Amino acid sequence: MTGIRLVLCAAFLAVSLHWLTASRPAQADIGVAIDVQAIEVNQRLSPGGRYTLPPMVVRNPGDATGHYEMGISYFEGQPEPRPPESWFQFSPVDFDLDPGASRRVEIEVRVAGGADAGEYLALIEARAAPTEGLARLGAATGTKVRFTVKPGSLLESWVLGTQHFAGDGTPWTYAIPLLLLLLLALWLLNRRFKLRLAVQRRRSEDE
């Protein structure tokens, strides 16, 4: 009897386990993968300058659509200076990916004017935003980026900043020359008006 009971218990447990496994819905899975392992910038960067880094391709290797965000993180206890996240511009900065789909992300570094000289280190991360009901919540992977900022003068930072300002705002590239022409015209009119006054005064004195 004892043997029969053990067999029945084992069979009941097997059936129960199979029922629980079969009745549980399959959990969707999202992940994140990138095609760049490390970025080493050989050029020394100037404070106030803007520099384009190699693009990064982000891929969803999972079986569910996921939302992804680009960001910056750092190594724990790293001795190198940490570039602020505000120095990095991503296009796009966030996006959705279907299973197996990929997206190219453009990356630009904008070194702040007056930045300290030195070798900077950071991780450019692609993060799968947490989504309810999906596995691997908050999955992320990163690419190490290292670059050197050289000592810069205030004049160099001002020149670079002015160039980028003109490049970002196309109307300013037309407005500045027009403003200079307007100032030149006002100067010429003012000079001509003063010349007329001088001639009139001389005529009055002669009379």
N, C-alpha and C. Protein backbone atom coordinates (compact mmCIF):
# COMPACT_ATOMS: atom_id res chain seq x y z
N MET A 1 0.83 -1.21 0.00
CA MET A 1 0.00 0.00 0.00
C MET A 1 0.86 1.26 0.00
N THR A 2 1.95 1.17 0.76
CA THR A 2 2.83 2.34 0.83
C THR A 2 3.40 2.69 -0.54
N GLY A 3 3.78 1.64 -1.29
CA GLY A 3 4.32 1.88 -2.63
C GLY A 3 3.30 2.51 -3.55
N ILE A 4 2.02 2.02 -3.45
CA ILE A 4 0.96 2.56 -4.30
C ILE A 4 0.72 4.03 -3.97
N ARG A 5 0.74 4.37 -2.68
CA ARG A 5 0.54 5.76 -2.28
C ARG A 5 1.65 6.66 -2.81
N LEU A 6 2.88 6.18 -2.74
CA LEU A 6 4.00 6.99 -3.26
C LEU A 6 3.86 7.23 -4.75
N VAL A 7 3.43 6.19 -5.49
CA VAL A 7 3.25 6.34 -6.93
C VAL A 7 2.15 7.34 -7.23
N LEU A 8 1.03 7.25 -6.48
CA LEU A 8 -0.08 8.17 -6.70
C LEU A 8 0.32 9.61 -6.37
N CYS A 9 1.08 9.79 -5.30
CA CYS A 9 1.54 11.13 -4.92
C CYS A 9 2.46 11.71 -6.00
N ALA A 10 3.36 10.86 -6.49
CA ALA A 10 4.28 11.32 -7.52
C ALA A 10 3.52 11.70 -8.79
N ALA A 11 2.53 10.89 -9.15
CA ALA A 11 1.75 11.19 -10.35
C ALA A 11 0.96 12.48 -10.17
N PHE A 12 0.40 12.68 -8.96
CA PHE A 12 -0.36 13.90 -8.69
C PHE A 12 0.54 15.13 -8.77
N LEU A 13 1.74 15.05 -8.22
CA LEU A 13 2.67 16.16 -8.28
C LEU A 13 3.08 16.47 -9.72
N ALA A 14 3.31 15.43 -10.53
CA ALA A 14 3.70 15.63 -11.92
C ALA A 14 2.60 16.31 -12.70
N VAL A 15 1.34 15.85 -12.49
CA VAL A 15 0.21 16.44 -13.19
C VAL A 15 0.02 17.89 -12.76
N SER A 16 0.16 18.16 -11.46
CA SER A 16 -0.01 19.53 -10.95
C SER A 16 1.05 20.45 -11.52
N LEU A 17 2.31 19.98 -11.55
CA LEU A 17 3.40 20.80 -12.08
C LEU A 17 3.19 21.09 -13.55
N HIS A 18 2.76 20.08 -14.31
CA HIS A 18 2.50 20.28 -15.73
C HIS A 18 1.37 21.27 -15.95
N TRP A 19 0.33 21.19 -15.13
CA TRP A 19 -0.81 22.10 -15.26
C TRP A 19 -0.40 23.53 -14.95
N LEU A 20 0.40 23.73 -13.90
CA LEU A 20 0.86 25.06 -13.54
C LEU A 20 1.74 25.65 -14.63
N THR A 21 2.63 24.82 -15.19
CA THR A 21 3.53 25.30 -16.24
C THR A 21 2.77 25.63 -17.50
N ALA A 22 1.79 24.79 -17.87
CA ALA A 22 1.05 25.01 -19.10
C ALA A 22 0.11 26.19 -18.98
N SER A 23 -0.43 26.41 -17.78
CA SER A 23 -1.40 27.49 -17.61
C SER A 23 -0.75 28.84 -17.46
N ARG A 24 0.56 28.89 -17.14
CA ARG A 24 1.25 30.16 -16.98
C ARG A 24 1.56 30.74 -18.35
N PRO A 25 1.18 31.98 -18.64
CA PRO A 25 1.47 32.57 -19.95
C PRO A 25 2.96 32.78 -20.15
N ALA A 26 3.40 32.59 -21.36
CA ALA A 26 4.81 32.79 -21.69
C ALA A 26 5.18 34.25 -21.46
N GLN A 27 6.29 34.50 -20.76
CA GLN A 27 6.71 35.84 -20.44
C GLN A 27 7.54 36.42 -21.58
N ALA A 28 7.10 37.58 -22.05
CA ALA A 28 7.83 38.22 -23.15
C ALA A 28 9.19 38.69 -22.67
N ASP A 29 10.10 38.81 -23.60
CA ASP A 29 11.48 39.14 -23.26
C ASP A 29 11.99 40.23 -24.19
N ILE A 30 12.61 41.26 -23.60
CA ILE A 30 13.28 42.28 -24.39
C ILE A 30 14.73 42.36 -23.95
N GLY A 31 15.59 42.75 -24.82
CA GLY A 31 17.00 42.91 -24.50
C GLY A 31 17.55 44.10 -25.26
N VAL A 32 18.84 44.28 -25.18
CA VAL A 32 19.48 45.38 -25.88
C VAL A 32 20.89 44.96 -26.27
N ALA A 33 21.27 45.30 -27.50
CA ALA A 33 22.60 44.99 -28.00
C ALA A 33 23.09 46.16 -28.84
N ILE A 34 24.40 46.38 -28.85
CA ILE A 34 25.00 47.46 -29.63
C ILE A 34 26.16 46.90 -30.44
N ASP A 35 26.57 47.68 -31.45
CA ASP A 35 27.60 47.19 -32.37
C ASP A 35 28.96 47.83 -32.15
N VAL A 36 29.10 48.68 -31.13
CA VAL A 36 30.37 49.36 -30.85
C VAL A 36 30.82 49.00 -29.45
N GLN A 37 32.05 48.52 -29.31
CA GLN A 37 32.55 48.10 -28.01
C GLN A 37 33.26 49.21 -27.26
N ALA A 38 33.98 50.07 -27.99
CA ALA A 38 34.71 51.15 -27.35
C ALA A 38 34.97 52.26 -28.37
N ILE A 39 35.03 53.50 -27.87
CA ILE A 39 35.32 54.66 -28.72
C ILE A 39 36.51 55.40 -28.13
N GLU A 40 37.59 55.45 -28.87
CA GLU A 40 38.79 56.18 -28.47
C GLU A 40 38.95 57.38 -29.41
N VAL A 41 38.86 58.58 -28.86
CA VAL A 41 38.99 59.80 -29.66
C VAL A 41 40.45 60.22 -29.65
N ASN A 42 41.11 60.15 -30.80
CA ASN A 42 42.53 60.49 -30.89
C ASN A 42 42.76 62.00 -30.88
N GLN A 43 41.80 62.75 -31.43
CA GLN A 43 41.93 64.20 -31.48
C GLN A 43 41.73 64.79 -30.09
N ARG A 44 42.56 65.76 -29.74
CA ARG A 44 42.40 66.47 -28.47
C ARG A 44 41.30 67.52 -28.65
N LEU A 45 40.33 67.51 -27.77
CA LEU A 45 39.17 68.37 -27.90
C LEU A 45 39.40 69.70 -27.20
N SER A 46 38.81 70.75 -27.78
CA SER A 46 38.94 72.10 -27.24
C SER A 46 37.71 72.47 -26.43
N PRO A 47 37.87 73.17 -25.32
CA PRO A 47 36.70 73.67 -24.59
C PRO A 47 35.85 74.57 -25.49
N GLY A 48 34.54 74.35 -25.48
CA GLY A 48 33.64 75.10 -26.34
C GLY A 48 33.43 74.47 -27.70
N GLY A 49 34.14 73.38 -28.01
CA GLY A 49 34.02 72.75 -29.33
C GLY A 49 32.96 71.67 -29.36
N ARG A 50 32.57 71.31 -30.58
CA ARG A 50 31.60 70.24 -30.82
C ARG A 50 32.23 69.20 -31.73
N TYR A 51 32.05 67.94 -31.40
CA TYR A 51 32.71 66.87 -32.12
C TYR A 51 31.74 65.70 -32.33
N THR A 52 31.77 65.14 -33.53
CA THR A 52 30.89 64.02 -33.87
C THR A 52 31.61 62.71 -33.61
N LEU A 53 30.98 61.85 -32.83
CA LEU A 53 31.53 60.52 -32.54
C LEU A 53 30.97 59.51 -33.54
N PRO A 54 31.61 58.35 -33.65
CA PRO A 54 31.06 57.31 -34.54
C PRO A 54 29.64 56.95 -34.11
N PRO A 55 28.74 56.73 -35.07
CA PRO A 55 27.36 56.37 -34.72
C PRO A 55 27.30 54.99 -34.08
N MET A 56 26.23 54.75 -33.37
CA MET A 56 26.01 53.48 -32.68
C MET A 56 24.70 52.86 -33.18
N VAL A 57 24.71 51.56 -33.42
CA VAL A 57 23.51 50.85 -33.83
C VAL A 57 22.99 50.05 -32.63
N VAL A 58 21.76 50.33 -32.23
CA VAL A 58 21.12 49.64 -31.10
C VAL A 58 20.14 48.62 -31.66
N ARG A 59 20.17 47.41 -31.13
CA ARG A 59 19.32 46.33 -31.64
C ARG A 59 18.52 45.69 -30.50
N ASN A 60 17.31 45.27 -30.81
CA ASN A 60 16.46 44.55 -29.86
C ASN A 60 16.53 43.06 -30.17
N PRO A 61 17.29 42.28 -29.39
CA PRO A 61 17.40 40.84 -29.66
C PRO A 61 16.28 40.02 -29.03
N GLY A 62 15.34 40.67 -28.36
CA GLY A 62 14.27 39.95 -27.67
C GLY A 62 13.12 39.59 -28.59
N ASP A 63 12.02 39.15 -27.99
CA ASP A 63 10.85 38.74 -28.77
C ASP A 63 9.64 39.63 -28.47
N ALA A 64 9.88 40.84 -27.93
CA ALA A 64 8.80 41.79 -27.66
C ALA A 64 9.29 43.20 -28.00
N THR A 65 8.38 44.06 -28.39
CA THR A 65 8.72 45.44 -28.69
C THR A 65 9.12 46.16 -27.41
N GLY A 66 10.21 46.92 -27.47
CA GLY A 66 10.69 47.63 -26.30
C GLY A 66 10.96 49.09 -26.59
N HIS A 67 10.97 49.88 -25.51
CA HIS A 67 11.29 51.30 -25.60
C HIS A 67 12.71 51.50 -25.07
N TYR A 68 13.52 52.25 -25.82
CA TYR A 68 14.93 52.38 -25.50
C TYR A 68 15.29 53.85 -25.31
N GLU A 69 16.26 54.07 -24.41
CA GLU A 69 16.74 55.41 -24.12
C GLU A 69 18.26 55.42 -24.11
N MET A 70 18.84 56.52 -24.60
CA MET A 70 20.28 56.71 -24.58
C MET A 70 20.67 57.55 -23.37
N GLY A 71 21.82 57.24 -22.80
CA GLY A 71 22.26 57.99 -21.63
C GLY A 71 23.74 57.76 -21.35
N ILE A 72 24.19 58.33 -20.23
CA ILE A 72 25.60 58.26 -19.83
C ILE A 72 25.68 57.70 -18.42
N SER A 73 26.68 56.84 -18.19
CA SER A 73 26.98 56.36 -16.85
C SER A 73 28.50 56.32 -16.70
N TYR A 74 28.96 55.89 -15.53
CA TYR A 74 30.39 55.91 -15.25
C TYR A 74 30.80 54.64 -14.51
N PHE A 75 32.11 54.38 -14.50
CA PHE A 75 32.65 53.26 -13.75
C PHE A 75 32.76 53.64 -12.28
N GLU A 76 32.41 52.72 -11.43
CA GLU A 76 32.49 53.00 -10.00
C GLU A 76 33.95 53.19 -9.58
N GLY A 77 34.21 54.31 -8.95
CA GLY A 77 35.55 54.60 -8.45
C GLY A 77 36.57 54.93 -9.51
N GLN A 78 36.14 55.32 -10.71
CA GLN A 78 37.10 55.62 -11.78
C GLN A 78 37.92 56.86 -11.42
N PRO A 79 39.24 56.80 -11.68
CA PRO A 79 40.09 57.95 -11.37
C PRO A 79 39.97 59.07 -12.41
N GLU A 80 39.55 58.75 -13.63
CA GLU A 80 39.45 59.76 -14.68
C GLU A 80 38.27 60.70 -14.41
N PRO A 81 38.38 61.96 -14.84
CA PRO A 81 37.25 62.88 -14.71
C PRO A 81 36.03 62.37 -15.46
N ARG A 82 34.85 62.68 -14.92
CA ARG A 82 33.59 62.25 -15.53
C ARG A 82 32.99 63.38 -16.35
N PRO A 83 32.87 63.22 -17.66
CA PRO A 83 32.22 64.27 -18.46
C PRO A 83 30.73 64.33 -18.13
N PRO A 84 30.17 65.50 -17.91
CA PRO A 84 28.74 65.59 -17.59
C PRO A 84 27.88 65.04 -18.72
N GLU A 85 26.73 64.51 -18.37
CA GLU A 85 25.83 63.97 -19.39
C GLU A 85 25.35 65.05 -20.33
N SER A 86 25.34 66.31 -19.85
CA SER A 86 24.91 67.42 -20.71
C SER A 86 25.85 67.67 -21.88
N TRP A 87 27.06 67.12 -21.84
CA TRP A 87 27.99 67.26 -22.96
C TRP A 87 27.59 66.40 -24.15
N PHE A 88 26.77 65.38 -23.94
CA PHE A 88 26.45 64.40 -24.98
C PHE A 88 25.06 64.67 -25.55
N GLN A 89 25.00 64.67 -26.87
CA GLN A 89 23.74 64.85 -27.58
C GLN A 89 23.49 63.61 -28.45
N PHE A 90 22.30 63.01 -28.31
CA PHE A 90 21.95 61.82 -29.07
C PHE A 90 20.79 62.12 -30.01
N SER A 91 20.85 61.53 -31.19
CA SER A 91 19.77 61.70 -32.15
C SER A 91 19.47 60.36 -32.82
N PRO A 92 18.33 59.71 -32.43
CA PRO A 92 17.37 60.14 -31.40
C PRO A 92 17.85 59.76 -30.02
N VAL A 93 17.25 60.38 -28.99
CA VAL A 93 17.62 60.08 -27.62
C VAL A 93 16.77 58.94 -27.06
N ASP A 94 15.57 58.71 -27.61
CA ASP A 94 14.75 57.57 -27.22
C ASP A 94 13.93 57.12 -28.41
N PHE A 95 13.57 55.82 -28.43
CA PHE A 95 12.89 55.24 -29.59
C PHE A 95 12.36 53.87 -29.23
N ASP A 96 11.46 53.35 -30.07
CA ASP A 96 10.91 52.00 -29.91
C ASP A 96 11.54 51.06 -30.94
N LEU A 97 11.69 49.79 -30.56
CA LEU A 97 12.24 48.78 -31.47
C LEU A 97 11.39 47.52 -31.40
N ASP A 98 10.99 47.03 -32.55
CA ASP A 98 10.31 45.73 -32.63
C ASP A 98 11.34 44.62 -32.47
N PRO A 99 10.91 43.40 -32.19
CA PRO A 99 11.86 42.29 -32.04
C PRO A 99 12.75 42.14 -33.28
N GLY A 100 14.04 42.10 -33.06
CA GLY A 100 15.01 41.95 -34.14
C GLY A 100 15.33 43.22 -34.89
N ALA A 101 14.63 44.32 -34.59
CA ALA A 101 14.87 45.58 -35.30
C ALA A 101 16.06 46.32 -34.69
N SER A 102 16.62 47.26 -35.45
CA SER A 102 17.76 48.05 -34.98
C SER A 102 17.57 49.51 -35.36
N ARG A 103 18.32 50.40 -34.70
CA ARG A 103 18.21 51.83 -34.95
C ARG A 103 19.59 52.46 -34.83
N ARG A 104 19.92 53.30 -35.81
CA ARG A 104 21.20 54.01 -35.80
C ARG A 104 21.05 55.29 -34.96
N VAL A 105 22.01 55.52 -34.07
CA VAL A 105 21.98 56.68 -33.18
C VAL A 105 23.22 57.53 -33.44
N GLU A 106 23.00 58.79 -33.75
CA GLU A 106 24.10 59.74 -33.94
C GLU A 106 24.50 60.33 -32.59
N ILE A 107 25.81 60.54 -32.39
CA ILE A 107 26.31 61.01 -31.11
C ILE A 107 27.23 62.21 -31.33
N GLU A 108 27.02 63.24 -30.54
CA GLU A 108 27.85 64.44 -30.61
C GLU A 108 28.30 64.82 -29.20
N VAL A 109 29.57 65.23 -29.08
CA VAL A 109 30.10 65.71 -27.81
C VAL A 109 30.25 67.22 -27.91
N ARG A 110 29.65 67.93 -26.96
CA ARG A 110 29.76 69.39 -26.88
C ARG A 110 30.49 69.74 -25.59
N VAL A 111 31.79 69.99 -25.72
CA VAL A 111 32.60 70.30 -24.55
C VAL A 111 32.26 71.70 -24.06
N ALA A 112 32.00 71.81 -22.79
CA ALA A 112 31.64 73.11 -22.23
C ALA A 112 32.82 74.08 -22.28
N GLY A 113 32.53 75.35 -22.53
CA GLY A 113 33.58 76.35 -22.48
C GLY A 113 34.11 76.46 -21.06
N GLY A 114 35.42 76.53 -20.94
CA GLY A 114 36.03 76.58 -19.62
C GLY A 114 36.19 75.23 -18.96
N ALA A 115 35.97 74.14 -19.72
CA ALA A 115 36.14 72.80 -19.16
C ALA A 115 37.59 72.56 -18.76
N ASP A 116 37.79 71.82 -17.68
CA ASP A 116 39.14 71.51 -17.22
C ASP A 116 39.82 70.57 -18.20
N ALA A 117 41.10 70.78 -18.38
CA ALA A 117 41.88 69.89 -19.24
C ALA A 117 42.06 68.54 -18.55
N GLY A 118 42.16 67.49 -19.36
CA GLY A 118 42.37 66.16 -18.80
C GLY A 118 41.77 65.08 -19.67
N GLU A 119 41.97 63.83 -19.26
CA GLU A 119 41.45 62.68 -20.00
C GLU A 119 40.15 62.23 -19.34
N TYR A 120 39.06 62.27 -20.10
CA TYR A 120 37.73 61.96 -19.58
C TYR A 120 37.32 60.56 -19.99
N LEU A 121 36.50 59.94 -19.13
CA LEU A 121 36.04 58.57 -19.38
C LEU A 121 34.56 58.46 -18.98
N ALA A 122 33.78 57.78 -19.82
CA ALA A 122 32.36 57.56 -19.52
C ALA A 122 31.88 56.33 -20.27
N LEU A 123 30.65 55.93 -19.98
CA LEU A 123 29.97 54.85 -20.69
C LEU A 123 28.75 55.41 -21.40
N ILE A 124 28.70 55.22 -22.71
CA ILE A 124 27.50 55.57 -23.46
C ILE A 124 26.57 54.36 -23.42
N GLU A 125 25.41 54.52 -22.81
CA GLU A 125 24.52 53.40 -22.58
C GLU A 125 23.27 53.45 -23.45
N ALA A 126 22.85 52.27 -23.87
CA ALA A 126 21.53 52.07 -24.47
C ALA A 126 20.73 51.27 -23.46
N ARG A 127 19.61 51.81 -23.01
CA ARG A 127 18.84 51.20 -21.94
C ARG A 127 17.45 50.82 -22.43
N ALA A 128 17.04 49.62 -22.06
CA ALA A 128 15.66 49.20 -22.31
C ALA A 128 14.82 49.69 -21.15
N ALA A 129 13.92 50.62 -21.42
CA ALA A 129 13.11 51.21 -20.36
C ALA A 129 12.24 50.14 -19.71
N PRO A 130 12.10 50.17 -18.38
CA PRO A 130 11.25 49.18 -17.70
C PRO A 130 9.82 49.20 -18.23
N THR A 131 9.30 48.01 -18.53
CA THR A 131 7.93 47.86 -19.03
C THR A 131 7.22 46.78 -18.24
N GLU A 132 6.04 47.05 -17.79
CA GLU A 132 5.31 46.10 -16.96
C GLU A 132 5.05 44.80 -17.71
N GLY A 133 5.36 43.69 -17.05
CA GLY A 133 5.07 42.37 -17.62
C GLY A 133 6.16 41.83 -18.51
N LEU A 134 7.28 42.54 -18.64
CA LEU A 134 8.34 42.06 -19.51
C LEU A 134 9.55 41.66 -18.68
N ALA A 135 10.27 40.67 -19.18
CA ALA A 135 11.47 40.22 -18.50
C ALA A 135 12.61 41.19 -18.78
N ARG A 136 13.70 41.02 -18.04
CA ARG A 136 14.89 41.86 -18.17
C ARG A 136 14.54 43.34 -18.02
N LEU A 137 13.83 43.63 -16.97
CA LEU A 137 13.43 45.03 -16.78
C LEU A 137 14.67 45.88 -16.60
N GLY A 138 14.74 46.96 -17.37
CA GLY A 138 15.85 47.88 -17.26
C GLY A 138 17.16 47.35 -17.81
N ALA A 139 17.12 46.40 -18.75
CA ALA A 139 18.35 45.88 -19.34
C ALA A 139 19.11 47.00 -20.02
N ALA A 140 20.44 46.96 -19.93
CA ALA A 140 21.26 48.03 -20.52
C ALA A 140 22.60 47.46 -20.93
N THR A 141 23.22 48.11 -21.89
CA THR A 141 24.58 47.77 -22.31
C THR A 141 25.27 49.07 -22.69
N GLY A 142 26.58 49.10 -22.53
CA GLY A 142 27.29 50.36 -22.73
C GLY A 142 28.55 50.23 -23.55
N THR A 143 28.97 51.36 -24.08
CA THR A 143 30.21 51.48 -24.84
C THR A 143 31.13 52.48 -24.14
N LYS A 144 32.33 52.07 -23.88
CA LYS A 144 33.28 52.97 -23.22
C LYS A 144 33.76 54.04 -24.19
N VAL A 145 33.75 55.29 -23.76
CA VAL A 145 34.25 56.39 -24.57
C VAL A 145 35.29 57.16 -23.77
N ARG A 146 36.41 57.43 -24.40
CA ARG A 146 37.52 58.12 -23.75
C ARG A 146 38.02 59.23 -24.68
N PHE A 147 38.21 60.41 -24.12
CA PHE A 147 38.74 61.52 -24.91
C PHE A 147 39.48 62.48 -23.99
N THR A 148 40.34 63.30 -24.62
CA THR A 148 41.17 64.25 -23.88
C THR A 148 40.78 65.67 -24.24
N VAL A 149 40.58 66.49 -23.22
CA VAL A 149 40.30 67.92 -23.42
C VAL A 149 41.59 68.69 -23.17
N LYS A 150 42.01 69.46 -24.16
CA LYS A 150 43.25 70.22 -24.02
C LYS A 150 42.98 71.56 -23.35
N PRO A 151 44.03 72.16 -22.78
CA PRO A 151 43.85 73.50 -22.19
C PRO A 151 43.41 74.48 -23.27
N GLY A 152 42.45 75.30 -22.96
CA GLY A 152 41.94 76.26 -23.93
C GLY A 152 41.86 77.65 -23.34
N SER A 153 41.96 78.66 -24.21
CA SER A 153 41.87 80.04 -23.78
C SER A 153 40.42 80.52 -23.87
N LEU A 154 40.13 81.61 -23.18
CA LEU A 154 38.78 82.18 -23.25
C LEU A 154 38.46 82.66 -24.66
N LEU A 155 39.48 83.17 -25.36
CA LEU A 155 39.26 83.65 -26.72
C LEU A 155 38.88 82.50 -27.64
N GLU A 156 39.57 81.36 -27.52
CA GLU A 156 39.26 80.20 -28.35
C GLU A 156 37.86 79.68 -28.07
N SER A 157 37.48 79.63 -26.79
CA SER A 157 36.13 79.18 -26.43
C SER A 157 35.08 80.11 -27.00
N TRP A 158 35.36 81.43 -26.96
CA TRP A 158 34.39 82.40 -27.47
C TRP A 158 34.24 82.26 -28.98
N VAL A 159 35.35 82.07 -29.69
CA VAL A 159 35.29 81.92 -31.14
C VAL A 159 34.51 80.68 -31.53
N LEU A 160 34.80 79.55 -30.86
CA LEU A 160 34.10 78.31 -31.17
C LEU A 160 32.61 78.43 -30.85
N GLY A 161 32.30 79.06 -29.71
CA GLY A 161 30.90 79.24 -29.35
C GLY A 161 30.16 80.10 -30.35
N THR A 162 30.81 81.15 -30.84
CA THR A 162 30.18 82.02 -31.84
C THR A 162 29.94 81.28 -33.14
N GLN A 163 30.91 80.46 -33.56
CA GLN A 163 30.75 79.68 -34.79
C GLN A 163 29.57 78.71 -34.68
N HIS A 164 29.46 78.02 -33.55
CA HIS A 164 28.37 77.06 -33.39
C HIS A 164 27.03 77.77 -33.28
N PHE A 165 27.03 78.95 -32.64
CA PHE A 165 25.78 79.70 -32.52
C PHE A 165 25.29 80.12 -33.90
N ALA A 166 26.20 80.57 -34.74
CA ALA A 166 25.82 80.96 -36.10
C ALA A 166 25.37 79.76 -36.92
N GLY A 167 26.04 78.60 -36.68
CA GLY A 167 25.67 77.40 -37.42
C GLY A 167 24.32 76.85 -37.01
N ASP A 168 23.99 76.96 -35.72
CA ASP A 168 22.70 76.44 -35.24
C ASP A 168 21.54 77.30 -35.70
N GLY A 169 21.72 78.61 -35.69
CA GLY A 169 20.64 79.51 -36.08
C GLY A 169 20.92 80.12 -37.43
N THR A 170 20.42 79.48 -38.48
CA THR A 170 20.68 79.96 -39.83
C THR A 170 20.26 81.41 -40.04
N PRO A 171 19.12 81.88 -39.50
CA PRO A 171 18.76 83.30 -39.69
C PRO A 171 19.83 84.26 -39.21
N TRP A 172 20.57 83.88 -38.17
CA TRP A 172 21.61 84.77 -37.67
C TRP A 172 22.73 84.95 -38.69
N THR A 173 22.98 83.94 -39.49
CA THR A 173 24.04 84.06 -40.48
C THR A 173 23.68 85.12 -41.53
N TYR A 174 22.39 85.40 -41.69
CA TYR A 174 21.97 86.47 -42.58
C TYR A 174 21.78 87.77 -41.82
N ALA A 175 21.35 87.70 -40.58
CA ALA A 175 21.05 88.91 -39.82
C ALA A 175 22.31 89.69 -39.48
N ILE A 176 23.38 88.97 -39.13
CA ILE A 176 24.60 89.67 -38.73
C ILE A 176 25.18 90.51 -39.86
N PRO A 177 25.35 89.98 -41.09
CA PRO A 177 25.84 90.85 -42.18
C PRO A 177 24.90 92.01 -42.48
N LEU A 178 23.58 91.77 -42.41
CA LEU A 178 22.64 92.86 -42.64
C LEU A 178 22.77 93.94 -41.57
N LEU A 179 22.99 93.52 -40.33
CA LEU A 179 23.16 94.49 -39.25
C LEU A 179 24.42 95.31 -39.46
N LEU A 180 25.48 94.66 -39.91
CA LEU A 180 26.71 95.41 -40.18
C LEU A 180 26.52 96.41 -41.32
N LEU A 181 25.79 96.00 -42.35
CA LEU A 181 25.51 96.93 -43.45
C LEU A 181 24.67 98.10 -42.98
N LEU A 182 23.70 97.82 -42.09
CA LEU A 182 22.86 98.90 -41.57
C LEU A 182 23.68 99.88 -40.74
N LEU A 183 24.57 99.37 -39.92
CA LEU A 183 25.44 100.25 -39.13
C LEU A 183 26.34 101.08 -40.02
N LEU A 184 26.84 100.47 -41.11
CA LEU A 184 27.68 101.22 -42.04
C LEU A 184 26.88 102.32 -42.72
N ALA A 185 25.63 102.02 -43.11
CA ALA A 185 24.78 103.03 -43.75
C ALA A 185 24.49 104.18 -42.79
N LEU A 186 24.20 103.87 -41.53
CA LEU A 186 23.95 104.92 -40.54
C LEU A 186 25.19 105.77 -40.31
N TRP A 187 26.34 105.14 -40.31
CA TRP A 187 27.59 105.89 -40.14
C TRP A 187 27.83 106.83 -41.30
N LEU A 188 27.55 106.35 -42.52
CA LEU A 188 27.74 107.21 -43.70
C LEU A 188 26.75 108.37 -43.69
N LEU A 189 25.48 108.10 -43.32
CA LEU A 189 24.49 109.17 -43.25
C LEU A 189 24.86 110.20 -42.19
N ASN A 190 25.32 109.71 -41.05
CA ASN A 190 25.72 110.63 -39.99
C ASN A 190 26.91 111.49 -40.41
N ARG A 191 27.83 110.89 -41.12
CA ARG A 191 29.00 111.63 -41.59
C ARG A 191 28.59 112.68 -42.62
N ARG A 192 27.67 112.30 -43.49
CA ARG A 192 27.21 113.25 -44.52
C ARG A 192 26.44 114.40 -43.89
N PHE A 193 25.63 114.08 -42.84
CA PHE A 193 24.87 115.12 -42.16
C PHE A 193 25.80 116.10 -41.46
N LYS A 194 26.85 115.59 -40.82
CA LYS A 194 27.82 116.47 -40.17
C LYS A 194 28.53 117.33 -41.19
N LEU A 195 28.80 116.77 -42.36
CA LEU A 195 29.48 117.54 -43.41
C LEU A 195 28.59 118.67 -43.89
N ARG A 196 27.30 118.45 -44.04
CA ARG A 196 26.37 119.49 -44.46
C ARG A 196 26.31 120.61 -43.42
N LEU A 197 26.28 120.24 -42.14
CA LEU A 197 26.26 121.25 -41.09
C LEU A 197 27.51 122.10 -41.13
N ALA A 198 28.64 121.46 -41.37
CA ALA A 198 29.90 122.21 -41.43
C ALA A 198 29.90 123.18 -42.60
N VAL A 199 29.35 122.76 -43.75
CA VAL A 199 29.30 123.63 -44.93
C VAL A 199 28.38 124.81 -44.67
N GLN A 200 27.23 124.55 -44.07
CA GLN A 200 26.28 125.62 -43.77
C GLN A 200 26.87 126.63 -42.79
N ARG A 201 27.59 126.15 -41.79
CA ARG A 201 28.22 127.07 -40.84
C ARG A 201 29.26 127.95 -41.52
N ARG A 202 30.02 127.37 -42.42
CA ARG A 202 31.02 128.15 -43.13
C ARG A 202 30.37 129.21 -43.98
N ARG A 203 29.27 128.87 -44.64
CA ARG A 203 28.56 129.86 -45.46
C ARG A 203 27.99 130.98 -44.60
N SER A 204 27.47 130.64 -43.44
CA SER A 204 26.93 131.65 -42.56
C SER A 204 28.02 132.58 -42.07
N GLU A 205 29.18 132.04 -41.74
CA GLU A 205 30.30 132.86 -41.29
C GLU A 205 30.81 133.77 -42.41
N ASP A 206 30.80 133.27 -43.65
CA ASP A 206 31.25 134.09 -44.78
C ASP A 206 30.32 135.25 -45.03
N GLU A 207 29.01 135.01 -44.84
CA GLU A 207 28.03 136.09 -45.06
C GLU A 207 28.10 137.13 -43.95
